[in-house]
Amino acid sequence: MNPDPPSALPPKPQAPVDYDCCGGGCADCELRIYLRELQRWQKQARQLGIPAERVTVIPPGTDFDRFQPADGDTIRNPRTDSSYVPVILHVGRLKKYKSTDHLLRAARILKDRGRSFRVVIIGAGDDLERLKQLSFRLRLGDTVEFTGFVSEDEKLAWYRRSAVLVENSVKEGWGLIVMEANACGTPAIVARSPGLVDSSRDGVNGLMYDYGDVSGLAEQLDRLLTDEPLRARLGQQAIGWARQWTWDGAADSMEQIITGAVAGRSSP
């Protein structure tokens, strides 16, 4: 692989982002992250007989006109609102590979610690009944709400009012749900699994845990539920993180690649 920086890197943030770390905020880190992602897809391409040098990864964008934080006067402040109960949100199709049961099991651990919270699971799918039965067996009661399919406006409202988004899947193509929540100022806790590790950075737009480690997930949730300053910092950083990837930037990169291919040159 050519070690020179690829010309189709994702666009830079529109404004500098202070990550309080070197976990993805500097140019060198971003380049290493991009190259690691590129190498993963090139490996899969080789398995399909596609020359690795002909693979370029272009992350999708997010509709930032829609997905943005709520006005300040509509946000409930946990420091001043005694009735505030943090919402742990999950969004997506309810399929077994999504491993939403990990969230329910982590919720039981948190309940045993006396934590106060709600779990809202948005989506429909053939794993719904199994998840409802598991919630009943875990005695989670009214702590868990299954909303089923919701409108885009309802989904946006849940992003904005939630303390944290949780995604547990064994694999994803990217992590569009994470980007939508992040754009609204909501940090995410995600499993270290393909796709989710590409769209998230531990300590930048949220926290991570090893896939399948329910206790680890519970620990990360406990951190965010009990540390409001951490939650606020990650939420603010998440906005800048999500805004790195725009549809205009993706289109520009795609145009560059197509132009190069038509001209008979290899893509970056």
C-alpha atoms as a PDB file:
ATOM      1  CA  MET A   1       0.000   0.000   0.000  1.00  0.00           C
ATOM      2  CA  ASN A   2       1.259   3.472  -0.886  1.00  0.00           C
ATOM      3  CA  PRO A   3       2.268   5.133   2.429  1.00  0.00           C
ATOM      4  CA  ASP A   4       1.607   8.612   1.055  1.00  0.00           C
ATOM      5  CA  PRO A   5      -1.548  10.289   2.401  1.00  0.00           C
ATOM      6  CA  PRO A   6      -4.532   9.360   0.240  1.00  0.00           C
ATOM      7  CA  SER A   7      -6.067  12.264  -1.611  1.00  0.00           C
ATOM      8  CA  ALA A   8      -9.615  11.094  -0.804  1.00  0.00           C
ATOM      9  CA  LEU A   9      -9.389  11.559   2.952  1.00  0.00           C
ATOM     10  CA  PRO A  10     -12.649  12.552   4.665  1.00  0.00           C
ATOM     11  CA  PRO A  11     -13.053  16.331   4.885  1.00  0.00           C
ATOM     12  CA  LYS A  12     -11.694  18.044   7.966  1.00  0.00           C
ATOM     13  CA  PRO A  13     -13.991  19.470  10.632  1.00  0.00           C
ATOM     14  CA  GLN A  14     -15.505  22.814   9.767  1.00  0.00           C
ATOM     15  CA  ALA A  15     -14.019  24.242  12.980  1.00  0.00           C
ATOM     16  CA  PRO A  16     -11.225  23.055  15.297  1.00  0.00           C
ATOM     17  CA  VAL A  17     -12.353  20.477  17.837  1.00  0.00           C
ATOM     18  CA  ASP A  18     -10.714  20.166  21.251  1.00  0.00           C
ATOM     19  CA  TYR A  19     -10.647  16.454  22.082  1.00  0.00           C
ATOM     20  CA  ASP A  20      -8.549  16.814  25.248  1.00  0.00           C
ATOM     21  CA  CYS A  21      -6.517  13.873  23.950  1.00  0.00           C
ATOM     22  CA  CYS A  22      -4.757  12.566  20.889  1.00  0.00           C
ATOM     23  CA  GLY A  23      -7.441   9.955  20.191  1.00  0.00           C
ATOM     24  CA  GLY A  24      -8.462  11.237  16.815  1.00  0.00           C
ATOM     25  CA  GLY A  25      -8.267  15.001  17.025  1.00  0.00           C
ATOM     26  CA  CYS A  26      -4.942  15.619  15.289  1.00  0.00           C
ATOM     27  CA  ALA A  27      -4.094  15.179  11.616  1.00  0.00           C
ATOM     28  CA  ASP A  28      -1.647  12.318  12.224  1.00  0.00           C
ATOM     29  CA  CYS A  29      -4.254  10.342  14.170  1.00  0.00           C
ATOM     30  CA  GLU A  30      -6.881  10.945  11.515  1.00  0.00           C
ATOM     31  CA  LEU A  31      -4.517   9.668   8.819  1.00  0.00           C
ATOM     32  CA  ARG A  32      -3.662   6.510  10.795  1.00  0.00           C
ATOM     33  CA  ILE A  33      -7.365   5.872  11.416  1.00  0.00           C
ATOM     34  CA  TYR A  34      -8.151   6.313   7.719  1.00  0.00           C
ATOM     35  CA  LEU A  35      -5.334   4.013   6.635  1.00  0.00           C
ATOM     36  CA  ARG A  36      -6.441   1.309   9.079  1.00  0.00           C
ATOM     37  CA  GLU A  37      -9.980   1.509   7.701  1.00  0.00           C
ATOM     38  CA  LEU A  38      -8.664   1.426   4.141  1.00  0.00           C
ATOM     39  CA  GLN A  39      -6.538  -1.639   4.884  1.00  0.00           C
ATOM     40  CA  ARG A  40      -9.545  -3.488   6.316  1.00  0.00           C
ATOM     41  CA  TRP A  41     -11.605  -2.950   3.178  1.00  0.00           C
ATOM     42  CA  GLN A  42      -8.652  -3.762   0.929  1.00  0.00           C
ATOM     43  CA  LYS A  43      -8.257  -7.111   2.704  1.00  0.00           C
ATOM     44  CA  GLN A  44     -11.915  -7.931   2.060  1.00  0.00           C
ATOM     45  CA  ALA A  45     -11.521  -6.832  -1.555  1.00  0.00           C
ATOM     46  CA  ARG A  46      -8.557  -9.185  -2.058  1.00  0.00           C
ATOM     47  CA  GLN A  47     -10.671 -12.062  -0.779  1.00  0.00           C
ATOM     48  CA  LEU A  48     -13.147 -11.247  -3.561  1.00  0.00           C
ATOM     49  CA  GLY A  49     -10.433 -11.014  -6.186  1.00  0.00           C
ATOM     50  CA  ILE A  50     -10.531  -7.208  -6.408  1.00  0.00           C
ATOM     51  CA  PRO A  51      -7.122  -5.467  -6.512  1.00  0.00           C
ATOM     52  CA  ALA A  52      -6.632  -3.734  -3.162  1.00  0.00           C
ATOM     53  CA  GLU A  53      -5.252  -0.572  -4.758  1.00  0.00           C
ATOM     54  CA  ARG A  54      -8.608  -0.056  -6.452  1.00  0.00           C
ATOM     55  CA  VAL A  55     -10.459   0.330  -3.139  1.00  0.00           C
ATOM     56  CA  THR A  56     -11.095   3.741  -1.563  1.00  0.00           C
ATOM     57  CA  VAL A  57     -13.307   4.248   1.489  1.00  0.00           C
ATOM     58  CA  ILE A  58     -15.653   7.251   1.477  1.00  0.00           C
ATOM     59  CA  PRO A  59     -17.661   7.690   4.716  1.00  0.00           C
ATOM     60  CA  PRO A  60     -21.233   8.914   4.208  1.00  0.00           C
ATOM     61  CA  GLY A  61     -22.478  12.265   5.432  1.00  0.00           C
ATOM     62  CA  THR A  62     -25.303  13.279   7.759  1.00  0.00           C
ATOM     63  CA  ASP A  63     -28.140  15.754   7.295  1.00  0.00           C
ATOM     64  CA  PHE A  64     -26.926  18.480   9.662  1.00  0.00           C
ATOM     65  CA  ASP A  65     -29.886  20.711   8.840  1.00  0.00           C
ATOM     66  CA  ARG A  66     -32.055  18.141  10.615  1.00  0.00           C
ATOM     67  CA  PHE A  67     -29.706  16.496  13.080  1.00  0.00           C
ATOM     68  CA  GLN A  68     -28.480  19.226  15.395  1.00  0.00           C
ATOM     69  CA  PRO A  69     -28.778  19.980  19.115  1.00  0.00           C
ATOM     70  CA  ALA A  70     -32.047  21.341  20.475  1.00  0.00           C
ATOM     71  CA  ASP A  71     -32.356  24.947  21.547  1.00  0.00           C
ATOM     72  CA  GLY A  72     -30.945  25.511  25.004  1.00  0.00           C
ATOM     73  CA  ASP A  73     -34.308  26.347  26.552  1.00  0.00           C
ATOM     74  CA  THR A  74     -35.750  22.966  25.498  1.00  0.00           C
ATOM     75  CA  ILE A  75     -33.015  20.883  27.131  1.00  0.00           C
ATOM     76  CA  ARG A  76     -33.673  19.552  30.632  1.00  0.00           C
ATOM     77  CA  ASN A  77     -30.783  20.286  32.955  1.00  0.00           C
ATOM     78  CA  PRO A  78     -30.009  17.417  35.352  1.00  0.00           C
ATOM     79  CA  ARG A  79     -28.428  19.915  37.745  1.00  0.00           C
ATOM     80  CA  THR A  80     -31.631  21.949  38.162  1.00  0.00           C
ATOM     81  CA  ASP A  81     -34.456  19.525  37.264  1.00  0.00           C
ATOM     82  CA  SER A  82     -35.085  17.190  40.203  1.00  0.00           C
ATOM     83  CA  SER A  83     -37.432  15.032  38.108  1.00  0.00           C
ATOM     84  CA  TYR A  84     -34.811  14.395  35.411  1.00  0.00           C
ATOM     85  CA  VAL A  85     -34.249  10.694  34.639  1.00  0.00           C
ATOM     86  CA  PRO A  86     -31.526  10.012  32.061  1.00  0.00           C
ATOM     87  CA  VAL A  87     -32.562   8.091  28.965  1.00  0.00           C
ATOM     88  CA  ILE A  88     -30.373   5.348  27.506  1.00  0.00           C
ATOM     89  CA  LEU A  89     -31.347   5.117  23.836  1.00  0.00           C
ATOM     90  CA  HIS A  90     -31.002   2.340  21.283  1.00  0.00           C
ATOM     91  CA  VAL A  91     -32.066   2.854  17.659  1.00  0.00           C
ATOM     92  CA  GLY A  92     -32.154   0.318  14.841  1.00  0.00           C
ATOM     93  CA  ARG A  93     -33.677  -2.822  13.464  1.00  0.00           C
ATOM     94  CA  LEU A  94     -34.258  -5.438  16.123  1.00  0.00           C
ATOM     95  CA  LYS A  95     -32.274  -8.331  14.720  1.00  0.00           C
ATOM     96  CA  LYS A  96     -30.385 -10.900  16.752  1.00  0.00           C
ATOM     97  CA  TYR A  97     -26.985  -9.860  15.372  1.00  0.00           C
ATOM     98  CA  LYS A  98     -27.631  -6.363  16.719  1.00  0.00           C
ATOM     99  CA  SER A  99     -27.187  -7.851  20.231  1.00  0.00           C
ATOM    100  CA  THR A 100     -29.676  -5.511  21.882  1.00  0.00           C
ATOM    101  CA  ASP A 101     -30.001  -8.105  24.641  1.00  0.00           C
ATOM    102  CA  HIS A 102     -26.575  -6.977  25.860  1.00  0.00           C
ATOM    103  CA  LEU A 103     -28.074  -3.593  26.702  1.00  0.00           C
ATOM    104  CA  LEU A 104     -30.914  -5.190  28.651  1.00  0.00           C
ATOM    105  CA  ARG A 105     -28.501  -7.321  30.666  1.00  0.00           C
ATOM    106  CA  ALA A 106     -26.343  -4.269  31.388  1.00  0.00           C
ATOM    107  CA  ALA A 107     -29.478  -2.416  32.500  1.00  0.00           C
ATOM    108  CA  ARG A 108     -30.140  -5.132  35.061  1.00  0.00           C
ATOM    109  CA  ILE A 109     -26.643  -4.645  36.475  1.00  0.00           C
ATOM    110  CA  LEU A 110     -27.251  -0.913  36.776  1.00  0.00           C
ATOM    111  CA  LYS A 111     -30.622  -1.455  38.461  1.00  0.00           C
ATOM    112  CA  ASP A 112     -28.919  -3.691  41.014  1.00  0.00           C
ATOM    113  CA  ARG A 113     -26.593  -0.761  41.765  1.00  0.00           C
ATOM    114  CA  GLY A 114     -29.565   1.485  42.416  1.00  0.00           C
ATOM    115  CA  ARG A 115     -29.128   3.688  39.356  1.00  0.00           C
ATOM    116  CA  SER A 116     -32.105   5.679  38.081  1.00  0.00           C
ATOM    117  CA  PHE A 117     -32.604   5.693  34.305  1.00  0.00           C
ATOM    118  CA  ARG A 118     -34.866   4.667  31.441  1.00  0.00           C
ATOM    119  CA  VAL A 119     -34.026   2.499  28.450  1.00  0.00           C
ATOM    120  CA  VAL A 120     -35.825   3.407  25.221  1.00  0.00           C
ATOM    121  CA  ILE A 121     -35.477   0.968  22.323  1.00  0.00           C
ATOM    122  CA  ILE A 122     -36.606   2.338  18.963  1.00  0.00           C
ATOM    123  CA  GLY A 123     -37.146  -0.006  16.052  1.00  0.00           C
ATOM    124  CA  ALA A 124     -38.912  -3.134  14.881  1.00  0.00           C
ATOM    125  CA  GLY A 125     -37.774  -6.563  13.789  1.00  0.00           C
ATOM    126  CA  ASP A 126     -38.001 -10.285  14.346  1.00  0.00           C
ATOM    127  CA  ASP A 127     -36.009 -10.109  17.591  1.00  0.00           C
ATOM    128  CA  LEU A 128     -38.609  -7.930  19.325  1.00  0.00           C
ATOM    129  CA  GLU A 129     -40.503 -10.694  21.123  1.00  0.00           C
ATOM    130  CA  ARG A 130     -37.328 -12.329  22.407  1.00  0.00           C
ATOM    131  CA  LEU A 131     -36.169  -8.977  23.764  1.00  0.00           C
ATOM    132  CA  LYS A 132     -39.513  -8.310  25.446  1.00  0.00           C
ATOM    133  CA  GLN A 133     -39.426 -11.727  27.092  1.00  0.00           C
ATOM    134  CA  LEU A 134     -35.862 -11.142  28.260  1.00  0.00           C
ATOM    135  CA  SER A 135     -36.837  -7.761  29.702  1.00  0.00           C
ATOM    136  CA  PHE A 136     -39.632  -9.481  31.636  1.00  0.00           C
ATOM    137  CA  ARG A 137     -37.316 -12.215  32.944  1.00  0.00           C
ATOM    138  CA  LEU A 138     -34.788  -9.592  34.037  1.00  0.00           C
ATOM    139  CA  ARG A 139     -37.566  -7.813  35.968  1.00  0.00           C
ATOM    140  CA  LEU A 140     -36.869  -4.504  34.258  1.00  0.00           C
ATOM    141  CA  GLY A 141     -40.538  -3.540  34.295  1.00  0.00           C
ATOM    142  CA  ASP A 142     -41.260   0.059  33.340  1.00  0.00           C
ATOM    143  CA  THR A 143     -37.544   0.813  33.047  1.00  0.00           C
ATOM    144  CA  VAL A 144     -37.579  -0.377  29.422  1.00  0.00           C
ATOM    145  CA  GLU A 145     -39.817   1.026  26.690  1.00  0.00           C
ATOM    146  CA  PHE A 146     -40.102  -0.564  23.232  1.00  0.00           C
ATOM    147  CA  THR A 147     -41.472   2.135  20.945  1.00  0.00           C
ATOM    148  CA  GLY A 148     -41.584   0.162  17.702  1.00  0.00           C
ATOM    149  CA  PHE A 149     -41.199   2.150  14.484  1.00  0.00           C
ATOM    150  CA  VAL A 150     -41.241   5.931  14.969  1.00  0.00           C
ATOM    151  CA  SER A 151     -41.298   8.884  12.586  1.00  0.00           C
ATOM    152  CA  GLU A 152     -38.146  10.831  11.751  1.00  0.00           C
ATOM    153  CA  ASP A 153     -39.375  13.713  13.919  1.00  0.00           C
ATOM    154  CA  GLU A 154     -39.893  11.374  16.885  1.00  0.00           C
ATOM    155  CA  LYS A 155     -36.465   9.828  16.383  1.00  0.00           C
ATOM    156  CA  LEU A 156     -34.904  13.291  16.355  1.00  0.00           C
ATOM    157  CA  ALA A 157     -36.704  14.190  19.587  1.00  0.00           C
ATOM    158  CA  TRP A 158     -35.389  11.039  21.273  1.00  0.00           C
ATOM    159  CA  TYR A 159     -31.828  11.772  20.132  1.00  0.00           C
ATOM    160  CA  ARG A 160     -32.034  15.218  21.679  1.00  0.00           C
ATOM    161  CA  ARG A 161     -33.527  14.194  25.009  1.00  0.00           C
ATOM    162  CA  SER A 162     -31.328  11.123  25.611  1.00  0.00           C
ATOM    163  CA  ALA A 163     -28.250  11.048  27.796  1.00  0.00           C
ATOM    164  CA  VAL A 164     -26.486   8.438  25.690  1.00  0.00           C
ATOM    165  CA  LEU A 165     -26.972   6.243  22.621  1.00  0.00           C
ATOM    166  CA  VAL A 166     -25.938   2.580  22.871  1.00  0.00           C
ATOM    167  CA  GLU A 167     -25.137   0.360  19.881  1.00  0.00           C
ATOM    168  CA  ASN A 168     -24.197  -3.254  20.578  1.00  0.00           C
ATOM    169  CA  SER A 169     -24.069  -4.864  17.132  1.00  0.00           C
ATOM    170  CA  VAL A 170     -21.546  -7.551  16.218  1.00  0.00           C
ATOM    171  CA  LYS A 171     -20.989  -5.643  12.961  1.00  0.00           C
ATOM    172  CA  GLU A 172     -22.169  -2.598  11.062  1.00  0.00           C
ATOM    173  CA  GLY A 173     -21.340  -1.085   7.712  1.00  0.00           C
ATOM    174  CA  TRP A 174     -20.520   2.296   9.250  1.00  0.00           C
ATOM    175  CA  GLY A 175     -22.575   3.684  12.137  1.00  0.00           C
ATOM    176  CA  LEU A 176     -25.030   6.186  10.684  1.00  0.00           C
ATOM    177  CA  ILE A 177     -27.152   6.081  13.857  1.00  0.00           C
ATOM    178  CA  VAL A 178     -24.098   7.062  15.874  1.00  0.00           C
ATOM    179  CA  MET A 179     -23.455  10.020  13.560  1.00  0.00           C
ATOM    180  CA  GLU A 180     -27.066  11.199  13.822  1.00  0.00           C
ATOM    181  CA  ALA A 181     -27.028  11.060  17.617  1.00  0.00           C
ATOM    182  CA  ASN A 182     -23.599  12.701  17.796  1.00  0.00           C
ATOM    183  CA  ALA A 183     -24.765  15.537  15.536  1.00  0.00           C
ATOM    184  CA  CYS A 184     -27.517  16.196  18.101  1.00  0.00           C
ATOM    185  CA  GLY A 185     -24.958  16.403  20.891  1.00  0.00           C
ATOM    186  CA  THR A 186     -25.623  12.926  22.293  1.00  0.00           C
ATOM    187  CA  PRO A 187     -22.549  10.778  23.038  1.00  0.00           C
ATOM    188  CA  ALA A 188     -22.543   7.085  22.149  1.00  0.00           C
ATOM    189  CA  ILE A 189     -21.349   3.921  23.826  1.00  0.00           C
ATOM    190  CA  VAL A 190     -20.560   1.331  21.161  1.00  0.00           C
ATOM    191  CA  ALA A 191     -19.091  -2.127  20.923  1.00  0.00           C
ATOM    192  CA  ARG A 192     -15.641  -2.567  19.436  1.00  0.00           C
ATOM    193  CA  SER A 193     -16.918  -4.250  16.307  1.00  0.00           C
ATOM    194  CA  PRO A 194     -16.504  -3.645  12.550  1.00  0.00           C
ATOM    195  CA  GLY A 195     -18.229  -0.472  11.402  1.00  0.00           C
ATOM    196  CA  LEU A 196     -18.766   0.904  14.887  1.00  0.00           C
ATOM    197  CA  VAL A 197     -15.017   1.181  15.512  1.00  0.00           C
ATOM    198  CA  ASP A 198     -14.770   3.080  12.233  1.00  0.00           C
ATOM    199  CA  SER A 199     -17.389   5.690  13.153  1.00  0.00           C
ATOM    200  CA  SER A 200     -16.423   6.135  16.833  1.00  0.00           C
ATOM    201  CA  ARG A 201     -13.406   6.975  18.944  1.00  0.00           C
ATOM    202  CA  ASP A 202     -13.174   6.098  22.619  1.00  0.00           C
ATOM    203  CA  GLY A 203     -13.115   9.281  24.677  1.00  0.00           C
ATOM    204  CA  VAL A 204     -13.938  11.499  21.698  1.00  0.00           C
ATOM    205  CA  ASN A 205     -17.582  11.061  20.636  1.00  0.00           C
ATOM    206  CA  GLY A 206     -18.384   8.638  23.454  1.00  0.00           C
ATOM    207  CA  LEU A 207     -17.039   5.476  25.041  1.00  0.00           C
ATOM    208  CA  MET A 208     -16.348   1.938  23.814  1.00  0.00           C
ATOM    209  CA  TYR A 209     -16.404  -1.560  25.281  1.00  0.00           C
ATOM    210  CA  ASP A 210     -15.394  -4.981  24.005  1.00  0.00           C
ATOM    211  CA  TYR A 211     -18.205  -6.646  22.082  1.00  0.00           C
ATOM    212  CA  GLY A 212     -20.063  -9.158  24.253  1.00  0.00           C
ATOM    213  CA  ASP A 213     -18.650  -7.827  27.525  1.00  0.00           C
ATOM    214  CA  VAL A 214     -21.906  -6.957  29.283  1.00  0.00           C
ATOM    215  CA  SER A 215     -20.128  -6.001  32.494  1.00  0.00           C
ATOM    216  CA  GLY A 216     -17.867  -3.685  30.518  1.00  0.00           C
ATOM    217  CA  LEU A 217     -20.896  -2.089  28.890  1.00  0.00           C
ATOM    218  CA  ALA A 218     -22.501  -1.588  32.299  1.00  0.00           C
ATOM    219  CA  GLU A 219     -19.323   0.074  33.588  1.00  0.00           C
ATOM    220  CA  GLN A 220     -19.226   2.531  30.695  1.00  0.00           C
ATOM    221  CA  LEU A 221     -22.915   3.330  31.134  1.00  0.00           C
ATOM    222  CA  ASP A 222     -22.377   3.863  34.842  1.00  0.00           C
ATOM    223  CA  ARG A 223     -19.597   6.337  34.075  1.00  0.00           C
ATOM    224  CA  LEU A 224     -21.825   8.463  31.874  1.00  0.00           C
ATOM    225  CA  LEU A 225     -24.874   8.225  34.128  1.00  0.00           C
ATOM    226  CA  THR A 226     -22.950   9.357  37.211  1.00  0.00           C
ATOM    227  CA  ASP A 227     -20.541  11.859  35.658  1.00  0.00           C
ATOM    228  CA  GLU A 228     -22.561  14.699  34.143  1.00  0.00           C
ATOM    229  CA  PRO A 229     -19.479  16.829  33.249  1.00  0.00           C
ATOM    230  CA  LEU A 230     -18.013  13.873  31.320  1.00  0.00           C
ATOM    231  CA  ARG A 231     -21.314  13.354  29.547  1.00  0.00           C
ATOM    232  CA  ALA A 232     -21.496  17.030  28.622  1.00  0.00           C
ATOM    233  CA  ARG A 233     -17.907  17.103  27.357  1.00  0.00           C
ATOM    234  CA  LEU A 234     -18.340  13.999  25.203  1.00  0.00           C
ATOM    235  CA  GLY A 235     -21.633  15.355  23.874  1.00  0.00           C
ATOM    236  CA  GLN A 236     -19.981  18.604  22.798  1.00  0.00           C
ATOM    237  CA  GLN A 237     -17.076  16.773  21.212  1.00  0.00           C
ATOM    238  CA  ALA A 238     -19.499  14.450  19.426  1.00  0.00           C
ATOM    239  CA  ILE A 239     -20.940  17.367  17.455  1.00  0.00           C
ATOM    240  CA  GLY A 240     -17.547  18.269  16.007  1.00  0.00           C
ATOM    241  CA  TRP A 241     -16.733  14.609  15.411  1.00  0.00           C
ATOM    242  CA  ALA A 242     -19.890  14.001  13.365  1.00  0.00           C
ATOM    243  CA  ARG A 243     -19.414  17.156  11.314  1.00  0.00           C
ATOM    244  CA  GLN A 244     -16.164  15.850   9.857  1.00  0.00           C
ATOM    245  CA  TRP A 245     -18.172  13.873   7.323  1.00  0.00           C
ATOM    246  CA  THR A 246     -20.509  15.744   5.007  1.00  0.00           C
ATOM    247  CA  TRP A 247     -22.405  14.687   1.901  1.00  0.00           C
ATOM    248  CA  ASP A 248     -20.672  17.453  -0.055  1.00  0.00           C
ATOM    249  CA  GLY A 249     -17.321  16.061   1.005  1.00  0.00           C
ATOM    250  CA  ALA A 250     -18.382  12.520   0.059  1.00  0.00           C
ATOM    251  CA  ALA A 251     -19.587  13.767  -3.331  1.00  0.00           C
ATOM    252  CA  ASP A 252     -16.323  15.610  -3.961  1.00  0.00           C
ATOM    253  CA  SER A 253     -14.317  12.491  -3.129  1.00  0.00           C
ATOM    254  CA  MET A 254     -16.523  10.350  -5.352  1.00  0.00           C
ATOM    255  CA  GLU A 255     -16.153  12.812  -8.233  1.00  0.00           C
ATOM    256  CA  GLN A 256     -12.388  12.727  -7.826  1.00  0.00           C
ATOM    257  CA  ILE A 257     -12.312   8.932  -7.968  1.00  0.00           C
ATOM    258  CA  ILE A 258     -14.632   8.706 -10.966  1.00  0.00           C
ATOM    259  CA  THR A 259     -12.656  11.334 -12.833  1.00  0.00           C
ATOM    260  CA  GLY A 260      -9.457   9.420 -12.166  1.00  0.00           C
ATOM    261  CA  ALA A 261     -10.994   6.139 -13.298  1.00  0.00           C
ATOM    262  CA  VAL A 262     -12.291   7.675 -16.530  1.00  0.00           C
ATOM    263  CA  ALA A 263      -8.870   9.156 -17.184  1.00  0.00           C
ATOM    264  CA  GLY A 264      -7.371   5.688 -16.820  1.00  0.00           C
ATOM    265  CA  ARG A 265      -5.591   6.354 -13.543  1.00  0.00           C
ATOM    266  CA  SER A 266      -5.794   4.169 -10.448  1.00  0.00           C
ATOM    267  CA  SER A 267      -7.950   5.520  -7.612  1.00  0.00           C
ATOM    268  CA  PRO A 268      -6.027   6.810  -4.561  1.00  0.00           C
END
